[in-house]
C-alpha atoms as a PDB file:
ATOM      1  CA  MET A   1     174.668  59.768 158.520  1.00  0.00           C
ATOM      2  CA  THR A   2     176.195  62.417 156.232  1.00  0.00           C
ATOM      3  CA  PRO A   3     174.028  64.273 153.663  1.00  0.00           C
ATOM      4  CA  ALA A   4     175.761  62.319 150.863  1.00  0.00           C
ATOM      5  CA  SER A   5     175.035  58.967 152.472  1.00  0.00           C
ATOM      6  CA  GLU A   6     171.395  59.994 153.199  1.00  0.00           C
ATOM      7  CA  LYS A   7     170.935  61.032 149.581  1.00  0.00           C
ATOM      8  CA  ALA A   8     172.526  57.755 148.417  1.00  0.00           C
ATOM      9  CA  ALA A   9     170.273  55.805 150.696  1.00  0.00           C
ATOM     10  CA  ALA A  10     167.154  57.557 149.387  1.00  0.00           C
ATOM     11  CA  LEU A  11     168.173  56.878 145.807  1.00  0.00           C
ATOM     12  CA  GLU A  12     168.837  53.210 146.572  1.00  0.00           C
ATOM     13  CA  ALA A  13     165.468  52.839 148.365  1.00  0.00           C
ATOM     14  CA  LEU A  14     163.763  54.288 145.317  1.00  0.00           C
ATOM     15  CA  ALA A  15     165.714  51.962 143.030  1.00  0.00           C
ATOM     16  CA  ASP A  16     164.513  48.998 145.131  1.00  0.00           C
ATOM     17  CA  ARG A  17     160.882  50.215 144.623  1.00  0.00           C
ATOM     18  CA  VAL A  18     161.399  50.584 140.909  1.00  0.00           C
ATOM     19  CA  GLU A  19     163.008  47.173 140.590  1.00  0.00           C
ATOM     20  CA  GLY A  20     160.154  45.474 142.386  1.00  0.00           C
ATOM     21  CA  ALA A  21     157.401  47.207 140.417  1.00  0.00           C
ATOM     22  CA  GLN A  22     155.194  45.345 137.925  1.00  0.00           C
ATOM     23  CA  GLY A  23     155.034  48.111 135.346  1.00  0.00           C
ATOM     24  CA  ASP A  24     151.581  49.395 136.044  1.00  0.00           C
ATOM     25  CA  ASN A  25     152.813  52.615 137.652  1.00  0.00           C
ATOM     26  CA  THR A  26     155.804  53.342 135.389  1.00  0.00           C
ATOM     27  CA  ALA A  27     154.909  57.023 134.920  1.00  0.00           C
ATOM     28  CA  GLU A  28     154.716  57.574 138.678  1.00  0.00           C
ATOM     29  CA  LEU A  29     157.990  55.808 139.393  1.00  0.00           C
ATOM     30  CA  LEU A  30     159.849  57.710 136.652  1.00  0.00           C
ATOM     31  CA  SER A  31     158.456  60.935 138.026  1.00  0.00           C
ATOM     32  CA  ASP A  32     159.566  60.046 141.531  1.00  0.00           C
ATOM     33  CA  ALA A  33     163.042  59.358 140.198  1.00  0.00           C
ATOM     34  CA  TRP A  34     163.018  62.707 138.448  1.00  0.00           C
ATOM     35  CA  ASP A  35     161.995  64.435 141.676  1.00  0.00           C
ATOM     36  CA  GLU A  36     164.596  62.601 143.719  1.00  0.00           C
ATOM     37  CA  LEU A  37     167.483  63.320 141.307  1.00  0.00           C
ATOM     38  CA  GLY A  38     166.425  66.973 140.690  1.00  0.00           C
ATOM     39  CA  PRO A  39     168.388  68.578 143.540  1.00  0.00           C
ATOM     40  CA  VAL A  40     171.526  66.660 142.509  1.00  0.00           C
ATOM     41  CA  ARG A  41     171.238  67.336 138.790  1.00  0.00           C
ATOM     42  CA  ARG A  42     169.796  70.917 138.904  1.00  0.00           C
ATOM     43  CA  TRP A  43     167.409  70.385 135.978  1.00  0.00           C
ATOM     44  CA  SER A  44     166.730  73.237 133.619  1.00  0.00           C
ATOM     45  CA  ALA A  45     163.127  74.267 132.941  1.00  0.00           C
ATOM     46  CA  ASP A  46     163.584  73.072 129.343  1.00  0.00           C
ATOM     47  CA  LYS A  47     164.654  69.576 130.434  1.00  0.00           C
ATOM     48  CA  ALA A  48     161.807  69.387 132.990  1.00  0.00           C
ATOM     49  CA  GLY A  49     159.345  70.257 130.240  1.00  0.00           C
ATOM     50  CA  ARG A  50     160.755  67.637 127.938  1.00  0.00           C
ATOM     51  CA  PHE A  51     160.660  65.030 130.655  1.00  0.00           C
ATOM     52  CA  GLY A  52     157.014  65.825 131.414  1.00  0.00           C
ATOM     53  CA  ARG A  53     156.066  65.597 127.725  1.00  0.00           C
ATOM     54  CA  LEU A  54     157.764  62.244 127.433  1.00  0.00           C
ATOM     55  CA  ILE A  55     155.837  60.960 130.451  1.00  0.00           C
ATOM     56  CA  ASP A  56     152.575  62.283 129.016  1.00  0.00           C
ATOM     57  CA  ALA A  57     153.305  60.609 125.666  1.00  0.00           C
ATOM     58  CA  GLU A  58     154.280  57.339 127.381  1.00  0.00           C
ATOM     59  CA  GLY A  59     157.792  57.654 126.031  1.00  0.00           C
ATOM     60  CA  PHE A  60     159.073  55.868 129.112  1.00  0.00           C
ATOM     61  CA  ILE A  61     162.378  54.587 127.823  1.00  0.00           C
ATOM     62  CA  ASP A  62     163.342  58.066 126.524  1.00  0.00           C
ATOM     63  CA  ALA A  63     162.313  59.535 129.904  1.00  0.00           C
ATOM     64  CA  ALA A  64     164.409  56.870 131.752  1.00  0.00           C
ATOM     65  CA  GLU A  65     167.400  57.750 129.546  1.00  0.00           C
ATOM     66  CA  MET A  66     167.208  61.340 130.851  1.00  0.00           C
ATOM     67  CA  LEU A  67     167.785  59.942 134.326  1.00  0.00           C
ATOM     68  CA  VAL A  68     171.174  58.408 133.467  1.00  0.00           C
ATOM     69  CA  PRO A  69     173.998  60.466 134.955  1.00  0.00           C
ATOM     70  CA  VAL A  70     175.735  62.671 132.417  1.00  0.00           C
ATOM     71  CA  GLY A  71     178.742  61.041 130.751  1.00  0.00           C
ATOM     72  CA  CYS A  72     177.673  57.477 131.670  1.00  0.00           C
ATOM     73  CA  GLU A  73     177.058  54.636 129.195  1.00  0.00           C
ATOM     74  CA  TRP A  74     173.939  52.491 129.456  1.00  0.00           C
ATOM     75  CA  ARG A  75     172.372  49.430 127.876  1.00  0.00           C
ATOM     76  CA  VAL A  76     169.056  47.654 128.157  1.00  0.00           C
ATOM     77  CA  SER A  77     168.466  44.007 127.169  1.00  0.00           C
ATOM     78  CA  ASP A  78     165.327  42.019 126.473  1.00  0.00           C
ATOM     79  CA  PRO A  79     164.286  39.458 129.087  1.00  0.00           C
ATOM     80  CA  ALA A  80     164.568  36.438 126.865  1.00  0.00           C
ATOM     81  CA  ASN A  81     166.405  35.155 123.826  1.00  0.00           C
ATOM     82  CA  ALA A  82     164.710  35.157 120.426  1.00  0.00           C
ATOM     83  CA  ASP A  83     163.859  31.438 120.810  1.00  0.00           C
ATOM     84  CA  GLY A  84     161.977  32.097 124.007  1.00  0.00           C
ATOM     85  CA  SER A  85     164.694  30.547 126.306  1.00  0.00           C
ATOM     86  CA  ASN A  86     165.841  32.407 129.386  1.00  0.00           C
ATOM     87  CA  SER A  87     168.261  35.254 128.926  1.00  0.00           C
ATOM     88  CA  ILE A  88     171.890  34.801 129.877  1.00  0.00           C
ATOM     89  CA  PHE A  89     170.991  36.512 133.138  1.00  0.00           C
ATOM     90  CA  GLY A  90     168.502  33.729 133.976  1.00  0.00           C
ATOM     91  CA  TYR A  91     165.378  35.844 134.133  1.00  0.00           C
ATOM     92  CA  PRO A  92     162.692  34.808 131.682  1.00  0.00           C
ATOM     93  CA  THR A  93     160.419  37.771 132.267  1.00  0.00           C
ATOM     94  CA  ARG A  94     162.598  40.613 133.637  1.00  0.00           C
ATOM     95  CA  CYS A  95     164.503  43.171 131.564  1.00  0.00           C
ATOM     96  CA  HIS A  96     168.076  43.897 132.425  1.00  0.00           C
ATOM     97  CA  ALA A  97     169.889  47.220 132.269  1.00  0.00           C
ATOM     98  CA  TYR A  98     173.256  48.582 133.274  1.00  0.00           C
ATOM     99  CA  VAL A  99     174.797  51.979 133.664  1.00  0.00           C
ATOM    100  CA  VAL A 100     178.538  52.423 133.592  1.00  0.00           C
ATOM    101  CA  CYS A 101     180.026  55.405 135.494  1.00  0.00           C
ATOM    102  CA  GLY A 102     183.269  53.908 136.569  1.00  0.00           C
ATOM    103  CA  ASP A 103     181.613  50.939 138.286  1.00  0.00           C
ATOM    104  CA  ARG A 104     178.815  49.166 136.474  1.00  0.00           C
ATOM    105  CA  GLU A 105     175.409  49.147 138.156  1.00  0.00           C
ATOM    106  CA  HIS A 106     173.178  46.306 137.021  1.00  0.00           C
ATOM    107  CA  ASN A 107     169.435  46.155 137.645  1.00  0.00           C
ATOM    108  CA  TYR A 108     166.335  44.375 136.472  1.00  0.00           C
ATOM    109  CA  GLY A 109     162.801  45.635 135.947  1.00  0.00           C
ATOM    110  CA  ALA A 110     159.465  44.596 134.584  1.00  0.00           C
ATOM    111  CA  THR A 111     159.967  46.900 131.588  1.00  0.00           C
ATOM    112  CA  PRO A 112     163.120  48.254 129.842  1.00  0.00           C
ATOM    113  CA  ALA A 113     162.289  51.727 131.155  1.00  0.00           C
ATOM    114  CA  LEU A 114     162.026  50.526 134.797  1.00  0.00           C
ATOM    115  CA  ALA A 115     165.259  48.514 134.524  1.00  0.00           C
ATOM    116  CA  LEU A 116     167.132  51.542 133.202  1.00  0.00           C
ATOM    117  CA  CYS A 117     165.570  53.854 135.778  1.00  0.00           C
ATOM    118  CA  SER A 118     166.616  51.555 138.591  1.00  0.00           C
ATOM    119  CA  ALA A 119     170.178  51.212 137.273  1.00  0.00           C
ATOM    120  CA  ALA A 120     170.367  54.959 136.842  1.00  0.00           C
ATOM    121  CA  LEU A 121     169.304  55.563 140.371  1.00  0.00           C
ATOM    122  CA  ARG A 122     171.867  53.133 141.702  1.00  0.00           C
ATOM    123  CA  SER A 123     174.598  54.853 139.597  1.00  0.00           C
ATOM    124  CA  ALA A 124     173.538  58.194 140.926  1.00  0.00           C
ATOM    125  CA  ALA A 125     173.687  56.837 144.476  1.00  0.00           C
ATOM    126  CA  ALA A 126     177.188  55.541 143.925  1.00  0.00           C
ATOM    127  CA  LEU A 127     178.309  58.889 142.437  1.00  0.00           C
ATOM    128  CA  ALA A 128     176.637  60.868 145.291  1.00  0.00           C
ATOM    129  CA  ARG A 129     178.421  58.662 147.823  1.00  0.00           C
ATOM    130  CA  SER A 130     181.807  59.039 146.186  1.00  0.00           C
ATOM    131  CA  ALA A 131     181.479  62.792 145.540  1.00  0.00           C
ATOM    132  CA  GLY A 132     180.046  63.516 148.963  1.00  0.00           C
ATOM    133  CA  VAL A 133     177.158  65.399 147.280  1.00  0.00           C
END
């Protein structure tokens, strides 16, 4: 396995953990994602400090946004429609997110932050695999 495919596999394994989480360990999972992406993204001390402050303040969606690869678009949707019916994705209790960096990476999560984190990890995995990083 090449270093790029090993990194992609590690990112995808973490995305699976995040997607399967119930939301009670959001801070831990976001921090794990930050740590896993760090060598690829080469975070500045300022960004690391900001991320840590967001986690401490439970600003989880803002922290998850920092995990989205630079230059990519993202979106998070609620799990259900306003009338309480299932969302168009068929999940009554799971949030949906996608990140677009060429290909669109969809993911679900117990919270908007976890859905975005998982989609960001899958996008980073795809980018690592295609760039050989």
